[in-house]
Amino acid sequence: MLPKRERAKTIIDWRYQMLSFTRDIRPMFTKVDVEHMLDATYNHLDLSKYESVKGRADTIYSMVSFGAMPPGNPWPKEQVAKFKQWMDEGCPP
């Protein structure tokens, strides 16, 4: 077992590496992506809003992982992996 000081450091390091919507995920959606999805979904999917993306994260992940979104400019696999990691971490804001 690690000494108490080392355990605390491990917890802090783990939290520091967690992704956040505001810092890591929102910037992956371009202005065009946001506008396109608002039009295509009759304002039901706003990629600029945390609650909207969190609520449809599974669908968004399916679309980006198959290259169907964004149209004409699919995300590189690193970006898809980052989105999946964010989901796996519980979709933190």
PDB file of N, CA and C in Angstrom:
ATOM      1  N   MET A   1       0.841  -1.178   0.000  1.00  0.00           N
ATOM      2  CA  MET A   1       0.000   0.000   0.000  1.00  0.00           C
ATOM      3  C   MET A   1       0.892   1.249   0.000  1.00  0.00           C
ATOM      4  N   LEU A   2       0.472   2.253  -0.768  1.00  0.00           N
ATOM      5  CA  LEU A   2       1.231   3.501  -0.846  1.00  0.00           C
ATOM      6  C   LEU A   2       1.105   4.302   0.446  1.00  0.00           C
ATOM      7  N   PRO A   3       2.157   5.043   0.813  1.00  0.00           N
ATOM      8  CA  PRO A   3       2.042   5.945   1.960  1.00  0.00           C
ATOM      9  C   PRO A   3       0.936   6.971   1.696  1.00  0.00           C
ATOM     10  N   LYS A   4       0.369   7.515   2.762  1.00  0.00           N
ATOM     11  CA  LYS A   4      -0.760   8.438   2.651  1.00  0.00           C
ATOM     12  C   LYS A   4      -0.469   9.597   1.691  1.00  0.00           C
ATOM     13  N   ARG A   5       0.702  10.182   1.784  1.00  0.00           N
ATOM     14  CA  ARG A   5       1.061  11.310   0.919  1.00  0.00           C
ATOM     15  C   ARG A   5       1.027  10.895  -0.557  1.00  0.00           C
ATOM     16  N   GLU A   6       1.546   9.705  -0.875  1.00  0.00           N
ATOM     17  CA  GLU A   6       1.558   9.218  -2.257  1.00  0.00           C
ATOM     18  C   GLU A   6       0.147   8.913  -2.748  1.00  0.00           C
ATOM     19  N   ARG A   7      -0.704   8.366  -1.869  1.00  0.00           N
ATOM     20  CA  ARG A   7      -2.092   8.101  -2.257  1.00  0.00           C
ATOM     21  C   ARG A   7      -2.801   9.402  -2.596  1.00  0.00           C
ATOM     22  N   ALA A   8      -2.607  10.428  -1.796  1.00  0.00           N
ATOM     23  CA  ALA A   8      -3.236  11.721  -2.051  1.00  0.00           C
ATOM     24  C   ALA A   8      -2.761  12.289  -3.379  1.00  0.00           C
ATOM     25  N   LYS A   9      -1.485  12.167  -3.665  1.00  0.00           N
ATOM     26  CA  LYS A   9      -0.938  12.665  -4.924  1.00  0.00           C
ATOM     27  C   LYS A   9      -1.563  11.927  -6.103  1.00  0.00           C
ATOM     28  N   THR A  10      -1.748  10.612  -5.981  1.00  0.00           N
ATOM     29  CA  THR A  10      -2.351   9.820  -7.044  1.00  0.00           C
ATOM     30  C   THR A  10      -3.773  10.284  -7.314  1.00  0.00           C
ATOM     31  N   ILE A  11      -4.541  10.549  -6.273  1.00  0.00           N
ATOM     32  CA  ILE A  11      -5.918  11.019  -6.445  1.00  0.00           C
ATOM     33  C   ILE A  11      -5.929  12.366  -7.139  1.00  0.00           C
ATOM     34  N   ILE A  12      -5.081  13.280  -6.727  1.00  0.00           N
ATOM     35  CA  ILE A  12      -5.018  14.597  -7.357  1.00  0.00           C
ATOM     36  C   ILE A  12      -4.624  14.467  -8.820  1.00  0.00           C
ATOM     37  N   ASP A  13      -3.624  13.665  -9.136  1.00  0.00           N
ATOM     38  CA  ASP A  13      -3.207  13.479 -10.521  1.00  0.00           C
ATOM     39  C   ASP A  13      -4.342  12.919 -11.363  1.00  0.00           C
ATOM     40  N   TRP A  14      -5.099  11.956 -10.822  1.00  0.00           N
ATOM     41  CA  TRP A  14      -6.203  11.344 -11.557  1.00  0.00           C
ATOM     42  C   TRP A  14      -7.272  12.381 -11.869  1.00  0.00           C
ATOM     43  N   ARG A  15      -7.619  13.196 -10.901  1.00  0.00           N
ATOM     44  CA  ARG A  15      -8.651  14.209 -11.126  1.00  0.00           C
ATOM     45  C   ARG A  15      -8.175  15.254 -12.129  1.00  0.00           C
ATOM     46  N   TYR A  16      -6.922  15.589 -12.087  1.00  0.00           N
ATOM     47  CA  TYR A  16      -6.388  16.587 -13.005  1.00  0.00           C
ATOM     48  C   TYR A  16      -6.499  16.123 -14.448  1.00  0.00           C
ATOM     49  N   GLN A  17      -6.398  14.837 -14.684  1.00  0.00           N
ATOM     50  CA  GLN A  17      -6.419  14.306 -16.036  1.00  0.00           C
ATOM     51  C   GLN A  17      -7.828  14.099 -16.589  1.00  0.00           C
ATOM     52  N   MET A  18      -8.856  14.211 -15.742  1.00  0.00           N
ATOM     53  CA  MET A  18     -10.219  14.026 -16.240  1.00  0.00           C
ATOM     54  C   MET A  18     -10.552  15.107 -17.256  1.00  0.00           C
ATOM     55  N   LEU A  19     -11.299  14.718 -18.259  1.00  0.00           N
ATOM     56  CA  LEU A  19     -11.726  15.665 -19.279  1.00  0.00           C
ATOM     57  C   LEU A  19     -12.942  16.438 -18.785  1.00  0.00           C
ATOM     58  N   SER A  20     -13.162  17.602 -19.362  1.00  0.00           N
ATOM     59  CA  SER A  20     -14.369  18.362 -19.042  1.00  0.00           C
ATOM     60  C   SER A  20     -15.011  18.825 -20.345  1.00  0.00           C
ATOM     61  N   PHE A  21     -16.314  19.011 -20.305  1.00  0.00           N
ATOM     62  CA  PHE A  21     -17.026  19.481 -21.491  1.00  0.00           C
ATOM     63  C   PHE A  21     -16.503  20.852 -21.908  1.00  0.00           C
ATOM     64  N   THR A  22     -16.448  21.759 -20.958  1.00  0.00           N
ATOM     65  CA  THR A  22     -16.070  23.138 -21.268  1.00  0.00           C
ATOM     66  C   THR A  22     -14.658  23.247 -21.834  1.00  0.00           C
ATOM     67  N   ARG A  23     -13.727  22.571 -21.218  1.00  0.00           N
ATOM     68  CA  ARG A  23     -12.320  22.693 -21.613  1.00  0.00           C
ATOM     69  C   ARG A  23     -11.952  21.815 -22.805  1.00  0.00           C
ATOM     70  N   ASP A  24     -12.493  20.584 -22.859  1.00  0.00           N
ATOM     71  CA  ASP A  24     -12.001  19.604 -23.825  1.00  0.00           C
ATOM     72  C   ASP A  24     -12.982  19.219 -24.933  1.00  0.00           C
ATOM     73  N   ILE A  25     -14.261  19.145 -24.625  1.00  0.00           N
ATOM     74  CA  ILE A  25     -15.230  18.623 -25.586  1.00  0.00           C
ATOM     75  C   ILE A  25     -15.868  19.731 -26.419  1.00  0.00           C
ATOM     76  N   ARG A  26     -16.355  20.776 -25.776  1.00  0.00           N
ATOM     77  CA  ARG A  26     -17.015  21.864 -26.508  1.00  0.00           C
ATOM     78  C   ARG A  26     -16.144  22.415 -27.637  1.00  0.00           C
ATOM     79  N   PRO A  27     -14.839  22.626 -27.431  1.00  0.00           N
ATOM     80  CA  PRO A  27     -14.004  23.162 -28.513  1.00  0.00           C
ATOM     81  C   PRO A  27     -13.884  22.243 -29.736  1.00  0.00           C
ATOM     82  N   MET A  28     -14.245  20.973 -29.597  1.00  0.00           N
ATOM     83  CA  MET A  28     -14.162  20.063 -30.748  1.00  0.00           C
ATOM     84  C   MET A  28     -15.298  20.304 -31.743  1.00  0.00           C
ATOM     85  N   PHE A  29     -16.370  20.966 -31.305  1.00  0.00           N
ATOM     86  CA  PHE A  29     -17.484  21.268 -32.196  1.00  0.00           C
ATOM     87  C   PHE A  29     -17.297  22.665 -32.775  1.00  0.00           C
ATOM     88  N   THR A  30     -17.274  22.764 -34.097  1.00  0.00           N
ATOM     89  CA  THR A  30     -17.111  24.065 -34.745  1.00  0.00           C
ATOM     90  C   THR A  30     -18.435  24.822 -34.751  1.00  0.00           C
ATOM     91  N   LYS A  31     -18.360  26.091 -35.070  1.00  0.00           N
ATOM     92  CA  LYS A  31     -19.570  26.909 -35.196  1.00  0.00           C
ATOM     93  C   LYS A  31     -20.497  26.302 -36.248  1.00  0.00           C
ATOM     94  N   VAL A  32     -19.927  25.827 -37.337  1.00  0.00           N
ATOM     95  CA  VAL A  32     -20.719  25.196 -38.403  1.00  0.00           C
ATOM     96  C   VAL A  32     -21.399  23.929 -37.880  1.00  0.00           C
ATOM     97  N   ASP A  33     -20.680  23.119 -37.100  1.00  0.00           N
ATOM     98  CA  ASP A  33     -21.272  21.909 -36.506  1.00  0.00           C
ATOM     99  C   ASP A  33     -22.483  22.268 -35.652  1.00  0.00           C
ATOM    100  N   VAL A  34     -22.321  23.260 -34.802  1.00  0.00           N
ATOM    101  CA  VAL A  34     -23.396  23.674 -33.897  1.00  0.00           C
ATOM    102  C   VAL A  34     -24.607  24.131 -34.698  1.00  0.00           C
ATOM    103  N   GLU A  35     -24.383  25.009 -35.668  1.00  0.00           N
ATOM    104  CA  GLU A  35     -25.488  25.533 -36.470  1.00  0.00           C
ATOM    105  C   GLU A  35     -26.165  24.436 -37.280  1.00  0.00           C
ATOM    106  N   HIS A  36     -25.376  23.553 -37.875  1.00  0.00           N
ATOM    107  CA  HIS A  36     -25.934  22.457 -38.679  1.00  0.00           C
ATOM    108  C   HIS A  36     -26.843  21.562 -37.835  1.00  0.00           C
ATOM    109  N   MET A  37     -26.380  21.182 -36.653  1.00  0.00           N
ATOM    110  CA  MET A  37     -27.183  20.281 -35.823  1.00  0.00           C
ATOM    111  C   MET A  37     -28.421  20.978 -35.262  1.00  0.00           C
ATOM    112  N   LEU A  38     -28.340  22.258 -34.985  1.00  0.00           N
ATOM    113  CA  LEU A  38     -29.538  22.984 -34.560  1.00  0.00           C
ATOM    114  C   LEU A  38     -30.586  22.958 -35.664  1.00  0.00           C
ATOM    115  N   ASP A  39     -30.155  23.211 -36.907  1.00  0.00           N
ATOM    116  CA  ASP A  39     -31.085  23.176 -38.044  1.00  0.00           C
ATOM    117  C   ASP A  39     -31.614  21.767 -38.288  1.00  0.00           C
ATOM    118  N   ALA A  40     -30.721  20.783 -38.288  1.00  0.00           N
ATOM    119  CA  ALA A  40     -31.095  19.404 -38.623  1.00  0.00           C
ATOM    120  C   ALA A  40     -32.004  18.767 -37.574  1.00  0.00           C
ATOM    121  N   THR A  41     -31.928  19.230 -36.340  1.00  0.00           N
ATOM    122  CA  THR A  41     -32.715  18.612 -35.261  1.00  0.00           C
ATOM    123  C   THR A  41     -33.808  19.542 -34.736  1.00  0.00           C
ATOM    124  N   TYR A  42     -34.114  20.588 -35.488  1.00  0.00           N
ATOM    125  CA  TYR A  42     -35.149  21.541 -35.068  1.00  0.00           C
ATOM    126  C   TYR A  42     -34.897  22.045 -33.644  1.00  0.00           C
ATOM    127  N   ASN A  43     -33.655  22.442 -33.417  1.00  0.00           N
ATOM    128  CA  ASN A  43     -33.197  23.012 -32.140  1.00  0.00           C
ATOM    129  C   ASN A  43     -33.203  22.027 -30.969  1.00  0.00           C
ATOM    130  N   HIS A  44     -33.247  20.730 -31.239  1.00  0.00           N
ATOM    131  CA  HIS A  44     -33.242  19.749 -30.157  1.00  0.00           C
ATOM    132  C   HIS A  44     -31.832  19.301 -29.757  1.00  0.00           C
ATOM    133  N   LEU A  45     -30.853  19.530 -30.608  1.00  0.00           N
ATOM    134  CA  LEU A  45     -29.476  19.159 -30.260  1.00  0.00           C
ATOM    135  C   LEU A  45     -28.580  20.372 -30.456  1.00  0.00           C
ATOM    136  N   ASP A  46     -28.208  20.965 -29.336  1.00  0.00           N
ATOM    137  CA  ASP A  46     -27.332  22.131 -29.355  1.00  0.00           C
ATOM    138  C   ASP A  46     -25.954  21.690 -28.868  1.00  0.00           C
ATOM    139  N   LEU A  47     -25.042  21.523 -29.807  1.00  0.00           N
ATOM    140  CA  LEU A  47     -23.700  21.035 -29.487  1.00  0.00           C
ATOM    141  C   LEU A  47     -22.885  22.012 -28.645  1.00  0.00           C
ATOM    142  N   SER A  48     -23.381  23.218 -28.479  1.00  0.00           N
ATOM    143  CA  SER A  48     -22.669  24.188 -27.649  1.00  0.00           C
ATOM    144  C   SER A  48     -23.096  24.114 -26.183  1.00  0.00           C
ATOM    145  N   LYS A  49     -24.123  23.332 -25.888  1.00  0.00           N
ATOM    146  CA  LYS A  49     -24.671  23.247 -24.530  1.00  0.00           C
ATOM    147  C   LYS A  49     -24.359  21.903 -23.884  1.00  0.00           C
ATOM    148  N   TYR A  50     -23.819  21.959 -22.689  1.00  0.00           N
ATOM    149  CA  TYR A  50     -23.435  20.756 -21.953  1.00  0.00           C
ATOM    150  C   TYR A  50     -24.585  19.766 -21.811  1.00  0.00           C
ATOM    151  N   GLU A  51     -25.727  20.212 -21.317  1.00  0.00           N
ATOM    152  CA  GLU A  51     -26.851  19.302 -21.064  1.00  0.00           C
ATOM    153  C   GLU A  51     -27.312  18.614 -22.340  1.00  0.00           C
ATOM    154  N   SER A  52     -27.297  19.328 -23.440  1.00  0.00           N
ATOM    155  CA  SER A  52     -27.720  18.763 -24.716  1.00  0.00           C
ATOM    156  C   SER A  52     -26.766  17.663 -25.177  1.00  0.00           C
ATOM    157  N   VAL A  53     -25.473  17.928 -25.098  1.00  0.00           N
ATOM    158  CA  VAL A  53     -24.471  16.943 -25.528  1.00  0.00           C
ATOM    159  C   VAL A  53     -24.446  15.761 -24.564  1.00  0.00           C
ATOM    160  N   LYS A  54     -24.510  16.025 -23.278  1.00  0.00           N
ATOM    161  CA  LYS A  54     -24.518  14.946 -22.293  1.00  0.00           C
ATOM    162  C   LYS A  54     -25.717  14.024 -22.516  1.00  0.00           C
ATOM    163  N   GLY A  55     -26.880  14.595 -22.770  1.00  0.00           N
ATOM    164  CA  GLY A  55     -28.095  13.816 -22.951  1.00  0.00           C
ATOM    165  C   GLY A  55     -28.103  12.953 -24.199  1.00  0.00           C
ATOM    166  N   ARG A  56     -27.281  13.313 -25.172  1.00  0.00           N
ATOM    167  CA  ARG A  56     -27.229  12.545 -26.416  1.00  0.00           C
ATOM    168  C   ARG A  56     -25.824  12.049 -26.724  1.00  0.00           C
ATOM    169  N   ALA A  57     -25.031  11.896 -25.702  1.00  0.00           N
ATOM    170  CA  ALA A  57     -23.631  11.507 -25.887  1.00  0.00           C
ATOM    171  C   ALA A  57     -23.491  10.187 -26.637  1.00  0.00           C
ATOM    172  N   ASP A  58     -24.325   9.200 -26.321  1.00  0.00           N
ATOM    173  CA  ASP A  58     -24.238   7.903 -27.010  1.00  0.00           C
ATOM    174  C   ASP A  58     -24.487   8.049 -28.506  1.00  0.00           C
ATOM    175  N   THR A  59     -25.502   8.815 -28.866  1.00  0.00           N
ATOM    176  CA  THR A  59     -25.826   9.031 -30.279  1.00  0.00           C
ATOM    177  C   THR A  59     -24.711   9.796 -30.978  1.00  0.00           C
ATOM    178  N   ILE A  60     -24.224  10.840 -30.332  1.00  0.00           N
ATOM    179  CA  ILE A  60     -23.131  11.628 -30.914  1.00  0.00           C
ATOM    180  C   ILE A  60     -21.907  10.744 -31.115  1.00  0.00           C
ATOM    181  N   TYR A  61     -21.584   9.937 -30.111  1.00  0.00           N
ATOM    182  CA  TYR A  61     -20.434   9.046 -30.226  1.00  0.00           C
ATOM    183  C   TYR A  61     -20.600   8.085 -31.403  1.00  0.00           C
ATOM    184  N   SER A  62     -21.776   7.513 -31.556  1.00  0.00           N
ATOM    185  CA  SER A  62     -22.020   6.607 -32.690  1.00  0.00           C
ATOM    186  C   SER A  62     -21.773   7.317 -34.013  1.00  0.00           C
ATOM    187  N   MET A  63     -22.276   8.524 -34.126  1.00  0.00           N
ATOM    188  CA  MET A  63     -22.140   9.281 -35.375  1.00  0.00           C
ATOM    189  C   MET A  63     -20.681   9.645 -35.666  1.00  0.00           C
ATOM    190  N   VAL A  64     -19.960  10.122 -34.661  1.00  0.00           N
ATOM    191  CA  VAL A  64     -18.572  10.522 -34.918  1.00  0.00           C
ATOM    192  C   VAL A  64     -17.664   9.314 -35.096  1.00  0.00           C
ATOM    193  N   SER A  65     -17.963   8.216 -34.418  1.00  0.00           N
ATOM    194  CA  SER A  65     -17.097   7.037 -34.543  1.00  0.00           C
ATOM    195  C   SER A  65     -17.255   6.348 -35.893  1.00  0.00           C
ATOM    196  N   PHE A  66     -18.427   6.496 -36.521  1.00  0.00           N
ATOM    197  CA  PHE A  66     -18.629   5.928 -37.858  1.00  0.00           C
ATOM    198  C   PHE A  66     -18.312   6.930 -38.964  1.00  0.00           C
ATOM    199  N   GLY A  67     -17.900   8.139 -38.599  1.00  0.00           N
ATOM    200  CA  GLY A  67     -17.533   9.146 -39.586  1.00  0.00           C
ATOM    201  C   GLY A  67     -18.716   9.850 -40.218  1.00  0.00           C
ATOM    202  N   ALA A  68     -19.911   9.652 -39.661  1.00  0.00           N
ATOM    203  CA  ALA A  68     -21.108  10.286 -40.217  1.00  0.00           C
ATOM    204  C   ALA A  68     -21.258  11.734 -39.754  1.00  0.00           C
ATOM    205  N   MET A  69     -20.515  12.113 -38.761  1.00  0.00           N
ATOM    206  CA  MET A  69     -20.591  13.458 -38.222  1.00  0.00           C
ATOM    207  C   MET A  69     -19.173  13.878 -37.829  1.00  0.00           C
ATOM    208  N   PRO A  70     -18.809  15.087 -38.054  1.00  0.00           N
ATOM    209  CA  PRO A  70     -19.478  16.120 -38.836  1.00  0.00           C
ATOM    210  C   PRO A  70     -19.468  15.785 -40.332  1.00  0.00           C
ATOM    211  N   PRO A  71     -20.512  16.199 -41.034  1.00  0.00           N
ATOM    212  CA  PRO A  71     -20.611  15.875 -42.458  1.00  0.00           C
ATOM    213  C   PRO A  71     -19.436  16.449 -43.257  1.00  0.00           C
ATOM    214  N   GLY A  72     -18.820  15.598 -44.041  1.00  0.00           N
ATOM    215  CA  GLY A  72     -17.735  16.023 -44.916  1.00  0.00           C
ATOM    216  C   GLY A  72     -16.399  16.242 -44.230  1.00  0.00           C
ATOM    217  N   ASN A  73     -16.371  16.182 -42.922  1.00  0.00           N
ATOM    218  CA  ASN A  73     -15.127  16.437 -42.193  1.00  0.00           C
ATOM    219  C   ASN A  73     -15.087  15.593 -40.920  1.00  0.00           C
ATOM    220  N   PRO A  74     -14.993  14.260 -41.068  1.00  0.00           N
ATOM    221  CA  PRO A  74     -15.025  13.400 -39.881  1.00  0.00           C
ATOM    222  C   PRO A  74     -13.878  13.688 -38.920  1.00  0.00           C
ATOM    223  N   TRP A  75     -14.145  13.451 -37.650  1.00  0.00           N
ATOM    224  CA  TRP A  75     -13.127  13.641 -36.624  1.00  0.00           C
ATOM    225  C   TRP A  75     -12.015  12.617 -36.776  1.00  0.00           C
ATOM    226  N   PRO A  76     -10.788  13.012 -36.482  1.00  0.00           N
ATOM    227  CA  PRO A  76      -9.701  12.029 -36.410  1.00  0.00           C
ATOM    228  C   PRO A  76      -9.959  11.078 -35.235  1.00  0.00           C
ATOM    229  N   LYS A  77      -9.368   9.895 -35.307  1.00  0.00           N
ATOM    230  CA  LYS A  77      -9.644   8.886 -34.272  1.00  0.00           C
ATOM    231  C   LYS A  77      -9.250   9.359 -32.875  1.00  0.00           C
ATOM    232  N   GLU A  78      -8.263  10.245 -32.764  1.00  0.00           N
ATOM    233  CA  GLU A  78      -7.865  10.770 -31.455  1.00  0.00           C
ATOM    234  C   GLU A  78      -8.995  11.605 -30.837  1.00  0.00           C
ATOM    235  N   GLN A  79      -9.681  12.351 -31.675  1.00  0.00           N
ATOM    236  CA  GLN A  79     -10.788  13.172 -31.199  1.00  0.00           C
ATOM    237  C   GLN A  79     -11.967  12.290 -30.779  1.00  0.00           C
ATOM    238  N   VAL A  80     -12.232  11.250 -31.560  1.00  0.00           N
ATOM    239  CA  VAL A  80     -13.293  10.297 -31.221  1.00  0.00           C
ATOM    240  C   VAL A  80     -12.964   9.629 -29.887  1.00  0.00           C
ATOM    241  N   ALA A  81     -11.707   9.239 -29.708  1.00  0.00           N
ATOM    242  CA  ALA A  81     -11.276   8.598 -28.463  1.00  0.00           C
ATOM    243  C   ALA A  81     -11.429   9.547 -27.275  1.00  0.00           C
ATOM    244  N   LYS A  82     -11.152  10.825 -27.481  1.00  0.00           N
ATOM    245  CA  LYS A  82     -11.295  11.806 -26.407  1.00  0.00           C
ATOM    246  C   LYS A  82     -12.764  11.934 -25.997  1.00  0.00           C
ATOM    247  N   PHE A  83     -13.666  11.950 -26.974  1.00  0.00           N
ATOM    248  CA  PHE A  83     -15.094  12.027 -26.669  1.00  0.00           C
ATOM    249  C   PHE A  83     -15.534  10.793 -25.881  1.00  0.00           C
ATOM    250  N   LYS A  84     -15.064   9.619 -26.300  1.00  0.00           N
ATOM    251  CA  LYS A  84     -15.397   8.367 -25.609  1.00  0.00           C
ATOM    252  C   LYS A  84     -14.850   8.386 -24.182  1.00  0.00           C
ATOM    253  N   GLN A  85     -13.638   8.874 -24.006  1.00  0.00           N
ATOM    254  CA  GLN A  85     -13.057   8.972 -22.662  1.00  0.00           C
ATOM    255  C   GLN A  85     -13.918   9.870 -21.785  1.00  0.00           C
ATOM    256  N   TRP A  86     -14.353  10.994 -22.328  1.00  0.00           N
ATOM    257  CA  TRP A  86     -15.223  11.912 -21.590  1.00  0.00           C
ATOM    258  C   TRP A  86     -16.501  11.193 -21.151  1.00  0.00           C
ATOM    259  N   MET A  87     -17.084  10.408 -22.055  1.00  0.00           N
ATOM    260  CA  MET A  87     -18.274   9.629 -21.705  1.00  0.00           C
ATOM    261  C   MET A  87     -17.960   8.632 -20.589  1.00  0.00           C
ATOM    262  N   ASP A  88     -16.855   7.916 -20.745  1.00  0.00           N
ATOM    263  CA  ASP A  88     -16.469   6.900 -19.759  1.00  0.00           C
ATOM    264  C   ASP A  88     -16.210   7.509 -18.378  1.00  0.00           C
ATOM    265  N   GLU A  89     -15.822   8.772 -18.353  1.00  0.00           N
ATOM    266  CA  GLU A  89     -15.565   9.474 -17.095  1.00  0.00           C
ATOM    267  C   GLU A  89     -16.844  10.050 -16.489  1.00  0.00           C
ATOM    268  N   GLY A  90     -17.981   9.791 -17.133  1.00  0.00           N
ATOM    269  CA  GLY A  90     -19.254  10.258 -16.592  1.00  0.00           C
ATOM    270  C   GLY A  90     -19.723  11.589 -17.137  1.00  0.00           C
ATOM    271  N   CYS A  91     -19.149  12.029 -18.245  1.00  0.00           N
ATOM    272  CA  CYS A  91     -19.526  13.292 -18.901  1.00  0.00           C
ATOM    273  C   CYS A  91     -19.422  14.498 -17.965  1.00  0.00           C
ATOM    274  N   PRO A  92     -18.245  14.722 -17.360  1.00  0.00           N
ATOM    275  CA  PRO A  92     -18.131  15.868 -16.453  1.00  0.00           C
ATOM    276  C   PRO A  92     -18.287  17.199 -17.185  1.00  0.00           C
ATOM    277  N   PRO A  93     -18.884  18.171 -16.486  1.00  0.00           N
ATOM    278  CA  PRO A  93     -19.071  19.488 -17.114  1.00  0.00           C
ATOM    279  C   PRO A  93     -17.756  20.193 -17.318  1.00  0.00           C
TER     280      PRO A  93
END
